[in-house]
Amino acid sequence: MTIPSAFDPVTTMDYHTAGEPFRIVTGGVPPLDGEDVPARRRFAAANLDWIRQLLVNEPRGHADMYGCFVTPPDDADADLGVVFFHNAGYSTACGHGTIALVTWALESGVVPVTGPQTTVVVDAPSGRLTATATVAGDRVTAVRVTNVASYVEATAVDLHIDGTDVQVDIAFGGAFYAVLDAAAVDCAVVADDLSTLITRGRTIKAAIERERTVAHPTAEDIGGIYGVIFVDRTHHDGATLRQRNLAIFADGEVDRSPTGSGVSARLALLDAAGTLARGADLVTSGIAGLEFTGRVVDEADVAGRRAVITEVTGSAHRTGRHEFLLDPHDPLGTGFLLR
């Protein structure tokens, strides 16, 4: 990794979505080369990873930091492109990040507000996303994201971890997630069990990837288990299904939000099992206590696989504006991570 001897300060606008941080790079970074967003993601990993480390690592960030580079869209039919990053590299999807990105784009004037319901089209590594923002005055109060097609990869996958047999389901919602009840590892989705859930999440992810190849049938850059979602407190409230969940993703990173792309993956599982009626709401709270609302709105096909189109709604809020520097004499360089 080569760090330039001189570079401009890197500026960011930070948001949180349901408690999960999102650091949007707004200046000081050269353009990401590539013909489309997946190519720009590869370019960032090969050429700009020191910037990701600078912004994610301590002392400027922390092990659970998340952010993005903003890029041009793939073509004139979209408004923005985005390359997401986290503590271990570059993800293909990020629902909470898309909600924050759209909120920033409209509140900052990067994309014009066209009315109380403004559409913003975003090209992500997982594909094209259509977001509908609810705007009141100078504020975006909510963003509804129509995701790429989501589908079930496998159900009832048997694993033996730490002397215990567990079963997980695997589904795609822009990235691949393993999903199981928290009770299966003798936990609940509460702060007191967080360290155990991080350990179990890492172990489950590693066990699946030792035993099977998980890959998207048409997108060569999408594969592997991105996160493990532990679900708790599932109950019906009339037609609405309510759950609490926690996703452990990347290198033991903890999502404070309900995990937007993970909600899409769980909707695919619930739809396939007949647990949630089409158009009915799945209301999911994250460990910070705030909610996303998701629903299945249509059917789709992914290389012959039965799939669904989902919508996920949440809101984001500004937390700060930053200018980051790297002192050439700093022995810590781009920083470090502690978990």
C-alpha atoms as a PDB file:
ATOM      1  CA  MET A   1       0.000   0.000   0.000  1.00  0.00           C
ATOM      2  CA  THR A   2       1.504   3.305  -1.114  1.00  0.00           C
ATOM      3  CA  ILE A   3       0.561   6.482   0.742  1.00  0.00           C
ATOM      4  CA  PRO A   4       1.287   9.700  -1.145  1.00  0.00           C
ATOM      5  CA  SER A   5       3.934  11.904   0.471  1.00  0.00           C
ATOM      6  CA  ALA A   6       1.512  14.828   0.247  1.00  0.00           C
ATOM      7  CA  PHE A   7      -2.265  14.843  -0.042  1.00  0.00           C
ATOM      8  CA  ASP A   8      -5.218  17.080   0.615  1.00  0.00           C
ATOM      9  CA  PRO A   9      -7.204  16.716   3.843  1.00  0.00           C
ATOM     10  CA  VAL A  10      -9.912  14.103   3.495  1.00  0.00           C
ATOM     11  CA  THR A  11     -13.298  15.606   4.307  1.00  0.00           C
ATOM     12  CA  THR A  12     -16.393  13.685   5.335  1.00  0.00           C
ATOM     13  CA  MET A  13     -19.985  14.198   6.387  1.00  0.00           C
ATOM     14  CA  ASP A  14     -21.041  11.693   9.005  1.00  0.00           C
ATOM     15  CA  TYR A  15     -24.514  10.303   9.625  1.00  0.00           C
ATOM     16  CA  HIS A  16     -26.040   7.537  11.657  1.00  0.00           C
ATOM     17  CA  THR A  17     -28.898   5.350  10.473  1.00  0.00           C
ATOM     18  CA  ALA A  18     -30.744   3.736  13.375  1.00  0.00           C
ATOM     19  CA  GLY A  19     -27.559   4.074  15.407  1.00  0.00           C
ATOM     20  CA  GLU A  20     -25.120   2.688  12.820  1.00  0.00           C
ATOM     21  CA  PRO A  21     -22.413   5.156  11.699  1.00  0.00           C
ATOM     22  CA  PHE A  22     -21.856   6.117   8.089  1.00  0.00           C
ATOM     23  CA  ARG A  23     -18.912   8.293   7.018  1.00  0.00           C
ATOM     24  CA  ILE A  24     -19.429   9.818   3.560  1.00  0.00           C
ATOM     25  CA  VAL A  25     -16.237  10.998   1.848  1.00  0.00           C
ATOM     26  CA  THR A  26     -16.923  14.445   0.378  1.00  0.00           C
ATOM     27  CA  GLY A  27     -13.450  15.658  -0.655  1.00  0.00           C
ATOM     28  CA  GLY A  28      -9.706  15.121  -0.773  1.00  0.00           C
ATOM     29  CA  VAL A  29      -9.869  11.823  -2.675  1.00  0.00           C
ATOM     30  CA  PRO A  30      -8.973  11.284  -6.339  1.00  0.00           C
ATOM     31  CA  PRO A  31     -11.682   9.924  -8.653  1.00  0.00           C
ATOM     32  CA  LEU A  32     -12.183   6.176  -8.558  1.00  0.00           C
ATOM     33  CA  ASP A  33     -11.311   4.741 -11.968  1.00  0.00           C
ATOM     34  CA  GLY A  34     -13.512   2.107 -13.588  1.00  0.00           C
ATOM     35  CA  GLU A  35     -16.258   1.662 -16.147  1.00  0.00           C
ATOM     36  CA  ASP A  36     -18.893   0.901 -13.494  1.00  0.00           C
ATOM     37  CA  VAL A  37     -19.306   0.741  -9.727  1.00  0.00           C
ATOM     38  CA  PRO A  38     -18.018  -2.857  -9.313  1.00  0.00           C
ATOM     39  CA  ALA A  39     -14.863  -1.843 -11.220  1.00  0.00           C
ATOM     40  CA  ARG A  40     -14.491   1.273  -9.055  1.00  0.00           C
ATOM     41  CA  ARG A  41     -14.814  -0.911  -5.971  1.00  0.00           C
ATOM     42  CA  ARG A  42     -11.911  -3.021  -7.207  1.00  0.00           C
ATOM     43  CA  PHE A  43      -9.933   0.154  -7.968  1.00  0.00           C
ATOM     44  CA  ALA A  44     -10.498   1.477  -4.431  1.00  0.00           C
ATOM     45  CA  ALA A  45      -9.309  -1.786  -2.895  1.00  0.00           C
ATOM     46  CA  ALA A  46      -6.162  -1.784  -5.022  1.00  0.00           C
ATOM     47  CA  ASN A  47      -5.268   1.921  -4.889  1.00  0.00           C
ATOM     48  CA  LEU A  48      -7.061   3.804  -2.116  1.00  0.00           C
ATOM     49  CA  ASP A  49      -7.166   1.366   0.764  1.00  0.00           C
ATOM     50  CA  TRP A  50      -4.992   3.646   2.870  1.00  0.00           C
ATOM     51  CA  ILE A  51      -7.868   6.158   2.839  1.00  0.00           C
ATOM     52  CA  ARG A  52     -10.307   3.485   4.014  1.00  0.00           C
ATOM     53  CA  GLN A  53      -7.889   2.604   6.811  1.00  0.00           C
ATOM     54  CA  LEU A  54      -7.377   6.273   7.706  1.00  0.00           C
ATOM     55  CA  LEU A  55     -11.132   6.800   8.097  1.00  0.00           C
ATOM     56  CA  VAL A  56     -12.089   3.472   9.676  1.00  0.00           C
ATOM     57  CA  ASN A  57      -9.161   2.712  11.978  1.00  0.00           C
ATOM     58  CA  GLU A  58      -8.528   4.187  15.381  1.00  0.00           C
ATOM     59  CA  PRO A  59      -7.761   6.893  16.407  1.00  0.00           C
ATOM     60  CA  ARG A  60     -10.014   8.485  13.738  1.00  0.00           C
ATOM     61  CA  GLY A  61     -12.570   5.699  13.660  1.00  0.00           C
ATOM     62  CA  HIS A  62     -13.188   2.389  15.411  1.00  0.00           C
ATOM     63  CA  ALA A  63     -13.744  -1.303  14.670  1.00  0.00           C
ATOM     64  CA  ASP A  64     -17.428  -0.718  13.944  1.00  0.00           C
ATOM     65  CA  MET A  65     -17.033   2.289  11.611  1.00  0.00           C
ATOM     66  CA  TYR A  66     -18.651   2.236   8.164  1.00  0.00           C
ATOM     67  CA  GLY A  67     -18.415   4.624   5.243  1.00  0.00           C
ATOM     68  CA  CYS A  68     -18.331   5.175   1.511  1.00  0.00           C
ATOM     69  CA  PHE A  69     -16.776   6.814  -1.498  1.00  0.00           C
ATOM     70  CA  VAL A  70     -19.281   8.641  -3.702  1.00  0.00           C
ATOM     71  CA  THR A  71     -18.798   7.983  -7.425  1.00  0.00           C
ATOM     72  CA  PRO A  72     -20.570   8.808 -10.670  1.00  0.00           C
ATOM     73  CA  PRO A  73     -23.395   6.409 -11.582  1.00  0.00           C
ATOM     74  CA  ASP A  74     -22.983   3.716 -14.224  1.00  0.00           C
ATOM     75  CA  ASP A  75     -25.064   5.720 -16.699  1.00  0.00           C
ATOM     76  CA  ALA A  76     -27.388   8.695 -17.021  1.00  0.00           C
ATOM     77  CA  ASP A  77     -30.381   6.766 -15.641  1.00  0.00           C
ATOM     78  CA  ALA A  78     -29.004   6.952 -12.081  1.00  0.00           C
ATOM     79  CA  ASP A  79     -28.059   9.878  -9.834  1.00  0.00           C
ATOM     80  CA  LEU A  80     -25.134   8.531  -7.807  1.00  0.00           C
ATOM     81  CA  GLY A  81     -22.707   5.661  -7.503  1.00  0.00           C
ATOM     82  CA  VAL A  82     -21.341   4.383  -4.204  1.00  0.00           C
ATOM     83  CA  VAL A  83     -18.485   2.185  -2.983  1.00  0.00           C
ATOM     84  CA  PHE A  84     -19.042   1.044   0.605  1.00  0.00           C
ATOM     85  CA  PHE A  85     -16.229   0.281   3.060  1.00  0.00           C
ATOM     86  CA  HIS A  86     -15.872  -1.157   6.566  1.00  0.00           C
ATOM     87  CA  ASN A  87     -13.251  -2.585   8.924  1.00  0.00           C
ATOM     88  CA  ALA A  88     -12.242  -5.451   6.626  1.00  0.00           C
ATOM     89  CA  GLY A  89     -12.609  -3.965   3.143  1.00  0.00           C
ATOM     90  CA  TYR A  90     -15.445  -3.213   0.742  1.00  0.00           C
ATOM     91  CA  SER A  91     -18.994  -4.556   0.897  1.00  0.00           C
ATOM     92  CA  THR A  92     -21.327  -5.126  -2.026  1.00  0.00           C
ATOM     93  CA  ALA A  93     -24.411  -3.772  -0.259  1.00  0.00           C
ATOM     94  CA  CYS A  94     -25.316  -1.540   2.651  1.00  0.00           C
ATOM     95  CA  GLY A  95     -28.919  -0.652   3.358  1.00  0.00           C
ATOM     96  CA  HIS A  96     -28.251   1.703   6.258  1.00  0.00           C
ATOM     97  CA  GLY A  97     -25.535   3.361   4.177  1.00  0.00           C
ATOM     98  CA  THR A  98     -27.863   3.852   1.205  1.00  0.00           C
ATOM     99  CA  ILE A  99     -30.425   5.520   3.473  1.00  0.00           C
ATOM    100  CA  ALA A 100     -27.732   7.864   4.847  1.00  0.00           C
ATOM    101  CA  LEU A 101     -26.248   8.531   1.404  1.00  0.00           C
ATOM    102  CA  VAL A 102     -29.611   9.533  -0.082  1.00  0.00           C
ATOM    103  CA  THR A 103     -30.363  11.712   2.938  1.00  0.00           C
ATOM    104  CA  TRP A 104     -26.997  13.495   2.547  1.00  0.00           C
ATOM    105  CA  ALA A 105     -27.367  13.875  -1.233  1.00  0.00           C
ATOM    106  CA  LEU A 106     -30.706  15.656  -0.867  1.00  0.00           C
ATOM    107  CA  GLU A 107     -29.925  17.674   2.253  1.00  0.00           C
ATOM    108  CA  SER A 108     -26.634  18.896   0.761  1.00  0.00           C
ATOM    109  CA  GLY A 109     -28.063  19.687  -2.689  1.00  0.00           C
ATOM    110  CA  VAL A 110     -25.929  17.125  -4.534  1.00  0.00           C
ATOM    111  CA  VAL A 111     -29.224  15.748  -5.888  1.00  0.00           C
ATOM    112  CA  PRO A 112     -32.131  18.199  -6.244  1.00  0.00           C
ATOM    113  CA  VAL A 113     -35.299  17.792  -4.231  1.00  0.00           C
ATOM    114  CA  THR A 114     -38.226  17.462  -6.649  1.00  0.00           C
ATOM    115  CA  GLY A 115     -41.072  17.277  -4.149  1.00  0.00           C
ATOM    116  CA  PRO A 116     -42.286  15.761  -0.873  1.00  0.00           C
ATOM    117  CA  GLN A 117     -41.517  12.338  -2.371  1.00  0.00           C
ATOM    118  CA  THR A 118     -38.209  12.558  -4.255  1.00  0.00           C
ATOM    119  CA  THR A 119     -36.709   9.611  -6.117  1.00  0.00           C
ATOM    120  CA  VAL A 120     -32.936   9.047  -6.046  1.00  0.00           C
ATOM    121  CA  VAL A 121     -31.396   6.204  -8.059  1.00  0.00           C
ATOM    122  CA  VAL A 122     -28.138   4.779  -6.709  1.00  0.00           C
ATOM    123  CA  ASP A 123     -25.726   2.369  -8.393  1.00  0.00           C
ATOM    124  CA  ALA A 124     -24.198   0.113  -5.731  1.00  0.00           C
ATOM    125  CA  PRO A 125     -21.816  -2.827  -6.226  1.00  0.00           C
ATOM    126  CA  SER A 126     -24.812  -5.158  -5.814  1.00  0.00           C
ATOM    127  CA  GLY A 127     -26.810  -3.368  -8.513  1.00  0.00           C
ATOM    128  CA  ARG A 128     -29.170  -0.471  -9.078  1.00  0.00           C
ATOM    129  CA  LEU A 129     -31.244   0.746  -6.127  1.00  0.00           C
ATOM    130  CA  THR A 130     -34.241   3.054  -6.287  1.00  0.00           C
ATOM    131  CA  ALA A 131     -34.798   5.181  -3.193  1.00  0.00           C
ATOM    132  CA  THR A 132     -37.815   7.324  -2.388  1.00  0.00           C
ATOM    133  CA  ALA A 133     -37.132  10.055   0.154  1.00  0.00           C
ATOM    134  CA  THR A 134     -39.794  11.777   2.208  1.00  0.00           C
ATOM    135  CA  VAL A 135     -38.817  15.450   2.420  1.00  0.00           C
ATOM    136  CA  ALA A 136     -40.248  18.018   4.841  1.00  0.00           C
ATOM    137  CA  GLY A 137     -38.769  21.486   4.450  1.00  0.00           C
ATOM    138  CA  ASP A 138     -34.982  21.121   4.450  1.00  0.00           C
ATOM    139  CA  ARG A 139     -35.050  17.691   6.083  1.00  0.00           C
ATOM    140  CA  VAL A 140     -35.252  14.154   4.775  1.00  0.00           C
ATOM    141  CA  THR A 141     -37.424  12.375   7.313  1.00  0.00           C
ATOM    142  CA  ALA A 142     -37.350   8.868   5.832  1.00  0.00           C
ATOM    143  CA  VAL A 143     -35.915   6.919   2.906  1.00  0.00           C
ATOM    144  CA  ARG A 144     -37.524   3.837   1.337  1.00  0.00           C
ATOM    145  CA  VAL A 145     -35.062   1.718  -0.662  1.00  0.00           C
ATOM    146  CA  THR A 146     -36.206  -0.758  -3.302  1.00  0.00           C
ATOM    147  CA  ASN A 147     -33.449  -3.327  -3.252  1.00  0.00           C
ATOM    148  CA  VAL A 148     -31.978  -5.704  -5.814  1.00  0.00           C
ATOM    149  CA  ALA A 149     -33.683  -9.093  -6.086  1.00  0.00           C
ATOM    150  CA  SER A 150     -33.315 -11.136  -2.892  1.00  0.00           C
ATOM    151  CA  TYR A 151     -33.474 -14.914  -2.684  1.00  0.00           C
ATOM    152  CA  VAL A 152     -32.957 -17.961  -0.473  1.00  0.00           C
ATOM    153  CA  GLU A 153     -29.633 -19.705  -0.979  1.00  0.00           C
ATOM    154  CA  ALA A 154     -30.117 -22.598   1.468  1.00  0.00           C
ATOM    155  CA  THR A 155     -32.176 -23.569   4.497  1.00  0.00           C
ATOM    156  CA  ALA A 156     -31.512 -25.747   7.539  1.00  0.00           C
ATOM    157  CA  VAL A 157     -27.751 -25.909   7.010  1.00  0.00           C
ATOM    158  CA  ASP A 158     -26.273 -28.032   9.803  1.00  0.00           C
ATOM    159  CA  LEU A 159     -23.175 -26.733  11.579  1.00  0.00           C
ATOM    160  CA  HIS A 160     -21.176 -28.002  14.533  1.00  0.00           C
ATOM    161  CA  ILE A 161     -19.587 -25.091  16.379  1.00  0.00           C
ATOM    162  CA  ASP A 162     -17.921 -25.059  19.766  1.00  0.00           C
ATOM    163  CA  GLY A 163     -19.455 -28.387  20.696  1.00  0.00           C
ATOM    164  CA  THR A 164     -22.971 -27.346  19.702  1.00  0.00           C
ATOM    165  CA  ASP A 165     -25.090 -28.320  16.696  1.00  0.00           C
ATOM    166  CA  VAL A 166     -26.943 -25.410  15.104  1.00  0.00           C
ATOM    167  CA  GLN A 167     -28.928 -24.864  11.922  1.00  0.00           C
ATOM    168  CA  VAL A 168     -28.751 -21.716   9.834  1.00  0.00           C
ATOM    169  CA  ASP A 169     -30.547 -20.410   6.772  1.00  0.00           C
ATOM    170  CA  ILE A 170     -28.614 -18.537   4.090  1.00  0.00           C
ATOM    171  CA  ALA A 171     -30.159 -15.797   1.965  1.00  0.00           C
ATOM    172  CA  PHE A 172     -29.090 -12.995  -0.341  1.00  0.00           C
ATOM    173  CA  GLY A 173     -30.208  -9.377   0.029  1.00  0.00           C
ATOM    174  CA  GLY A 174     -27.378  -7.609  -1.802  1.00  0.00           C
ATOM    175  CA  ALA A 175     -24.880  -9.671   0.193  1.00  0.00           C
ATOM    176  CA  PHE A 176     -25.127 -13.163   1.693  1.00  0.00           C
ATOM    177  CA  TYR A 177     -26.258 -13.637   5.286  1.00  0.00           C
ATOM    178  CA  ALA A 178     -26.573 -16.634   7.565  1.00  0.00           C
ATOM    179  CA  VAL A 179     -29.658 -16.288   9.770  1.00  0.00           C
ATOM    180  CA  LEU A 180     -30.536 -18.086  13.004  1.00  0.00           C
ATOM    181  CA  ASP A 181     -32.331 -17.552  16.295  1.00  0.00           C
ATOM    182  CA  ALA A 182     -30.103 -16.085  18.990  1.00  0.00           C
ATOM    183  CA  ALA A 183     -31.465 -18.711  21.367  1.00  0.00           C
ATOM    184  CA  ALA A 184     -29.732 -21.407  19.274  1.00  0.00           C
ATOM    185  CA  VAL A 185     -26.418 -20.183  20.711  1.00  0.00           C
ATOM    186  CA  ASP A 186     -27.909 -19.548  24.173  1.00  0.00           C
ATOM    187  CA  CYS A 187     -28.017 -15.794  23.683  1.00  0.00           C
ATOM    188  CA  ALA A 188     -30.462 -12.951  23.331  1.00  0.00           C
ATOM    189  CA  VAL A 189     -30.062  -9.795  21.261  1.00  0.00           C
ATOM    190  CA  VAL A 190     -28.975  -7.699  24.231  1.00  0.00           C
ATOM    191  CA  ALA A 191     -25.815  -5.795  25.078  1.00  0.00           C
ATOM    192  CA  ASP A 192     -24.857  -8.273  27.803  1.00  0.00           C
ATOM    193  CA  ASP A 193     -24.513 -11.036  25.194  1.00  0.00           C
ATOM    194  CA  LEU A 194     -22.668  -8.921  22.644  1.00  0.00           C
ATOM    195  CA  SER A 195     -19.191 -10.390  23.104  1.00  0.00           C
ATOM    196  CA  THR A 196     -20.576 -13.933  22.828  1.00  0.00           C
ATOM    197  CA  LEU A 197     -22.575 -13.050  19.716  1.00  0.00           C
ATOM    198  CA  ILE A 198     -19.465 -11.579  18.072  1.00  0.00           C
ATOM    199  CA  THR A 199     -17.544 -14.787  18.769  1.00  0.00           C
ATOM    200  CA  ARG A 200     -20.399 -17.014  17.577  1.00  0.00           C
ATOM    201  CA  GLY A 201     -20.910 -14.891  14.464  1.00  0.00           C
ATOM    202  CA  ARG A 202     -17.259 -15.198  13.485  1.00  0.00           C
ATOM    203  CA  THR A 203     -17.300 -18.938  14.143  1.00  0.00           C
ATOM    204  CA  ILE A 204     -20.488 -19.539  12.130  1.00  0.00           C
ATOM    205  CA  LYS A 205     -19.212 -17.507   9.181  1.00  0.00           C
ATOM    206  CA  ALA A 206     -15.934 -19.445   9.132  1.00  0.00           C
ATOM    207  CA  ALA A 207     -17.702 -22.804   9.456  1.00  0.00           C
ATOM    208  CA  ILE A 208     -20.008 -22.136   6.500  1.00  0.00           C
ATOM    209  CA  GLU A 209     -17.186 -20.935   4.283  1.00  0.00           C
ATOM    210  CA  ARG A 210     -15.108 -24.030   5.111  1.00  0.00           C
ATOM    211  CA  GLU A 211     -17.917 -26.330   4.049  1.00  0.00           C
ATOM    212  CA  ARG A 212     -19.571 -24.659   1.068  1.00  0.00           C
ATOM    213  CA  THR A 213     -19.097 -22.105  -1.672  1.00  0.00           C
ATOM    214  CA  VAL A 214     -21.622 -19.295  -1.576  1.00  0.00           C
ATOM    215  CA  ALA A 215     -21.678 -17.183  -4.736  1.00  0.00           C
ATOM    216  CA  HIS A 216     -24.142 -15.098  -6.694  1.00  0.00           C
ATOM    217  CA  PRO A 217     -25.050 -16.840  -9.984  1.00  0.00           C
ATOM    218  CA  THR A 218     -24.691 -13.748 -12.189  1.00  0.00           C
ATOM    219  CA  ALA A 219     -22.489 -11.230 -10.301  1.00  0.00           C
ATOM    220  CA  GLU A 220     -18.904 -12.456 -10.178  1.00  0.00           C
ATOM    221  CA  ASP A 221     -17.849  -9.988  -7.457  1.00  0.00           C
ATOM    222  CA  ILE A 222     -20.497 -11.164  -4.966  1.00  0.00           C
ATOM    223  CA  GLY A 223     -19.766 -14.215  -2.870  1.00  0.00           C
ATOM    224  CA  GLY A 224     -19.012 -15.506   0.597  1.00  0.00           C
ATOM    225  CA  ILE A 225     -20.902 -14.979   3.829  1.00  0.00           C
ATOM    226  CA  TYR A 226     -20.892 -11.272   4.594  1.00  0.00           C
ATOM    227  CA  GLY A 227     -22.746 -11.410   7.889  1.00  0.00           C
ATOM    228  CA  VAL A 228     -24.436 -13.605  10.467  1.00  0.00           C
ATOM    229  CA  ILE A 229     -27.802 -12.352  11.717  1.00  0.00           C
ATOM    230  CA  PHE A 230     -29.118 -13.397  15.124  1.00  0.00           C
ATOM    231  CA  VAL A 231     -32.894 -12.984  15.481  1.00  0.00           C
ATOM    232  CA  ASP A 232     -34.824 -12.571  18.710  1.00  0.00           C
ATOM    233  CA  ARG A 233     -38.314 -11.637  20.002  1.00  0.00           C
ATOM    234  CA  THR A 234     -40.229 -12.709  16.901  1.00  0.00           C
ATOM    235  CA  HIS A 235     -43.989 -12.182  17.200  1.00  0.00           C
ATOM    236  CA  HIS A 236     -46.963 -11.128  15.120  1.00  0.00           C
ATOM    237  CA  ASP A 237     -48.734  -7.880  15.919  1.00  0.00           C
ATOM    238  CA  GLY A 238     -51.800  -8.243  13.729  1.00  0.00           C
ATOM    239  CA  ALA A 239     -50.534  -8.505  10.154  1.00  0.00           C
ATOM    240  CA  THR A 240     -47.163  -7.022  11.148  1.00  0.00           C
ATOM    241  CA  LEU A 241     -44.260  -9.293  12.089  1.00  0.00           C
ATOM    242  CA  ARG A 242     -41.873  -7.847  14.643  1.00  0.00           C
ATOM    243  CA  GLN A 243     -38.326  -8.980  15.367  1.00  0.00           C
ATOM    244  CA  ARG A 244     -35.143  -7.792  17.006  1.00  0.00           C
ATOM    245  CA  ASN A 245     -31.881  -8.706  15.333  1.00  0.00           C
ATOM    246  CA  LEU A 246     -28.135  -8.239  15.402  1.00  0.00           C
ATOM    247  CA  ALA A 247     -25.764  -8.703  12.466  1.00  0.00           C
ATOM    248  CA  ILE A 248     -22.097  -9.577  12.971  1.00  0.00           C
ATOM    249  CA  PHE A 249     -20.376  -8.827   9.671  1.00  0.00           C
ATOM    250  CA  ALA A 250     -16.970  -8.214   8.058  1.00  0.00           C
ATOM    251  CA  ASP A 251     -14.270  -8.771  10.735  1.00  0.00           C
ATOM    252  CA  GLY A 252     -16.499  -9.166  13.775  1.00  0.00           C
ATOM    253  CA  GLU A 253     -18.152  -5.801  13.119  1.00  0.00           C
ATOM    254  CA  VAL A 254     -21.411  -5.118  14.972  1.00  0.00           C
ATOM    255  CA  ASP A 255     -24.290  -3.446  13.155  1.00  0.00           C
ATOM    256  CA  ARG A 256     -26.199  -1.161  15.494  1.00  0.00           C
ATOM    257  CA  SER A 257     -29.012  -0.803  12.961  1.00  0.00           C
ATOM    258  CA  PRO A 258     -31.435  -3.550  11.896  1.00  0.00           C
ATOM    259  CA  THR A 259     -29.176  -4.117   8.811  1.00  0.00           C
ATOM    260  CA  GLY A 260     -30.968  -3.002   5.631  1.00  0.00           C
ATOM    261  CA  SER A 261     -29.654  -5.605   3.198  1.00  0.00           C
ATOM    262  CA  GLY A 262     -30.061  -8.162   5.962  1.00  0.00           C
ATOM    263  CA  VAL A 263     -33.733  -7.216   6.279  1.00  0.00           C
ATOM    264  CA  SER A 264     -34.105  -7.986   2.559  1.00  0.00           C
ATOM    265  CA  ALA A 265     -32.428 -11.371   3.057  1.00  0.00           C
ATOM    266  CA  ARG A 266     -34.744 -12.184   5.953  1.00  0.00           C
ATOM    267  CA  LEU A 267     -37.768 -11.084   3.944  1.00  0.00           C
ATOM    268  CA  ALA A 268     -36.784 -13.582   1.253  1.00  0.00           C
ATOM    269  CA  LEU A 269     -36.677 -16.321   3.902  1.00  0.00           C
ATOM    270  CA  LEU A 270     -39.976 -15.298   5.510  1.00  0.00           C
ATOM    271  CA  ASP A 271     -41.700 -15.092   2.119  1.00  0.00           C
ATOM    272  CA  ALA A 272     -40.424 -18.512   1.046  1.00  0.00           C
ATOM    273  CA  ALA A 273     -41.608 -20.035   4.325  1.00  0.00           C
ATOM    274  CA  GLY A 274     -45.024 -18.372   4.070  1.00  0.00           C
ATOM    275  CA  THR A 275     -44.479 -16.682   7.431  1.00  0.00           C
ATOM    276  CA  LEU A 276     -45.140 -13.144   6.183  1.00  0.00           C
ATOM    277  CA  ALA A 277     -47.863 -12.212   3.718  1.00  0.00           C
ATOM    278  CA  ARG A 278     -46.929 -10.250   0.605  1.00  0.00           C
ATOM    279  CA  GLY A 279     -47.135  -6.541   1.341  1.00  0.00           C
ATOM    280  CA  ALA A 280     -47.271  -7.043   5.122  1.00  0.00           C
ATOM    281  CA  ASP A 281     -44.672  -5.262   7.241  1.00  0.00           C
ATOM    282  CA  LEU A 282     -41.619  -6.732   8.922  1.00  0.00           C
ATOM    283  CA  VAL A 283     -40.618  -4.256  11.628  1.00  0.00           C
ATOM    284  CA  THR A 284     -37.119  -4.952  12.887  1.00  0.00           C
ATOM    285  CA  SER A 285     -35.327  -3.194  15.719  1.00  0.00           C
ATOM    286  CA  GLY A 286     -31.553  -3.167  16.038  1.00  0.00           C
ATOM    287  CA  ILE A 287     -29.550  -3.316  19.222  1.00  0.00           C
ATOM    288  CA  ALA A 288     -29.673   0.499  19.492  1.00  0.00           C
ATOM    289  CA  GLY A 289     -33.467   0.218  19.686  1.00  0.00           C
ATOM    290  CA  LEU A 290     -34.414   1.942  16.422  1.00  0.00           C
ATOM    291  CA  GLU A 291     -36.406   0.308  13.621  1.00  0.00           C
ATOM    292  CA  PHE A 292     -36.449  -0.451   9.911  1.00  0.00           C
ATOM    293  CA  THR A 293     -39.666  -1.458   8.172  1.00  0.00           C
ATOM    294  CA  GLY A 294     -39.446  -3.936   5.304  1.00  0.00           C
ATOM    295  CA  ARG A 295     -41.901  -5.662   3.002  1.00  0.00           C
ATOM    296  CA  VAL A 296     -41.986  -7.864  -0.077  1.00  0.00           C
ATOM    297  CA  VAL A 297     -43.531  -5.963  -2.977  1.00  0.00           C
ATOM    298  CA  ASP A 298     -42.981  -8.197  -6.023  1.00  0.00           C
ATOM    299  CA  GLU A 299     -41.563 -11.413  -7.398  1.00  0.00           C
ATOM    300  CA  ALA A 300     -38.349 -11.741  -9.375  1.00  0.00           C
ATOM    301  CA  ASP A 301     -36.049 -14.311 -10.918  1.00  0.00           C
ATOM    302  CA  VAL A 302     -32.296 -14.657 -10.397  1.00  0.00           C
ATOM    303  CA  ALA A 303     -30.844 -17.115 -12.921  1.00  0.00           C
ATOM    304  CA  GLY A 304     -33.845 -19.416 -12.512  1.00  0.00           C
ATOM    305  CA  ARG A 305     -34.069 -18.985  -8.743  1.00  0.00           C
ATOM    306  CA  ARG A 306     -37.299 -17.765  -7.166  1.00  0.00           C
ATOM    307  CA  ALA A 307     -36.607 -14.302  -5.803  1.00  0.00           C
ATOM    308  CA  VAL A 308     -38.449 -11.299  -4.393  1.00  0.00           C
ATOM    309  CA  ILE A 309     -38.251  -7.528  -4.614  1.00  0.00           C
ATOM    310  CA  THR A 310     -38.194  -5.843  -1.222  1.00  0.00           C
ATOM    311  CA  GLU A 311     -38.496  -2.352   0.198  1.00  0.00           C
ATOM    312  CA  VAL A 312     -36.714  -1.242   3.366  1.00  0.00           C
ATOM    313  CA  THR A 313     -37.492   2.074   5.083  1.00  0.00           C
ATOM    314  CA  GLY A 314     -35.487   3.947   7.712  1.00  0.00           C
ATOM    315  CA  SER A 315     -34.111   7.367   8.551  1.00  0.00           C
ATOM    316  CA  ALA A 316     -30.667   8.900   8.987  1.00  0.00           C
ATOM    317  CA  HIS A 317     -29.358  11.880  10.951  1.00  0.00           C
ATOM    318  CA  ARG A 318     -26.249  14.023  10.647  1.00  0.00           C
ATOM    319  CA  THR A 319     -23.642  13.618  13.387  1.00  0.00           C
ATOM    320  CA  GLY A 320     -20.703  15.704  12.178  1.00  0.00           C
ATOM    321  CA  ARG A 321     -18.538  17.271   9.498  1.00  0.00           C
ATOM    322  CA  HIS A 322     -14.865  16.301   9.546  1.00  0.00           C
ATOM    323  CA  GLU A 323     -11.466  17.043   8.038  1.00  0.00           C
ATOM    324  CA  PHE A 324      -8.970  14.220   8.485  1.00  0.00           C
ATOM    325  CA  LEU A 325      -5.181  14.562   8.267  1.00  0.00           C
ATOM    326  CA  LEU A 326      -2.228  12.199   8.417  1.00  0.00           C
ATOM    327  CA  ASP A 327       0.798  13.620  10.164  1.00  0.00           C
ATOM    328  CA  PRO A 328       3.831  12.252   8.249  1.00  0.00           C
ATOM    329  CA  HIS A 329       5.650  11.898  11.593  1.00  0.00           C
ATOM    330  CA  ASP A 330       2.835   9.923  13.254  1.00  0.00           C
ATOM    331  CA  PRO A 331       4.218   6.472  14.174  1.00  0.00           C
ATOM    332  CA  LEU A 332       0.673   5.015  14.037  1.00  0.00           C
ATOM    333  CA  GLY A 333       0.255   5.951  10.371  1.00  0.00           C
ATOM    334  CA  THR A 334      -3.252   5.141   9.184  1.00  0.00           C
ATOM    335  CA  GLY A 335      -4.085   3.671  12.563  1.00  0.00           C
ATOM    336  CA  PHE A 336      -5.046   0.388  14.168  1.00  0.00           C
ATOM    337  CA  LEU A 337      -8.097  -1.640  15.160  1.00  0.00           C
ATOM    338  CA  LEU A 338      -9.019  -3.098  18.546  1.00  0.00           C
ATOM    339  CA  ARG A 339     -11.898  -5.494  19.079  1.00  0.00           C
END
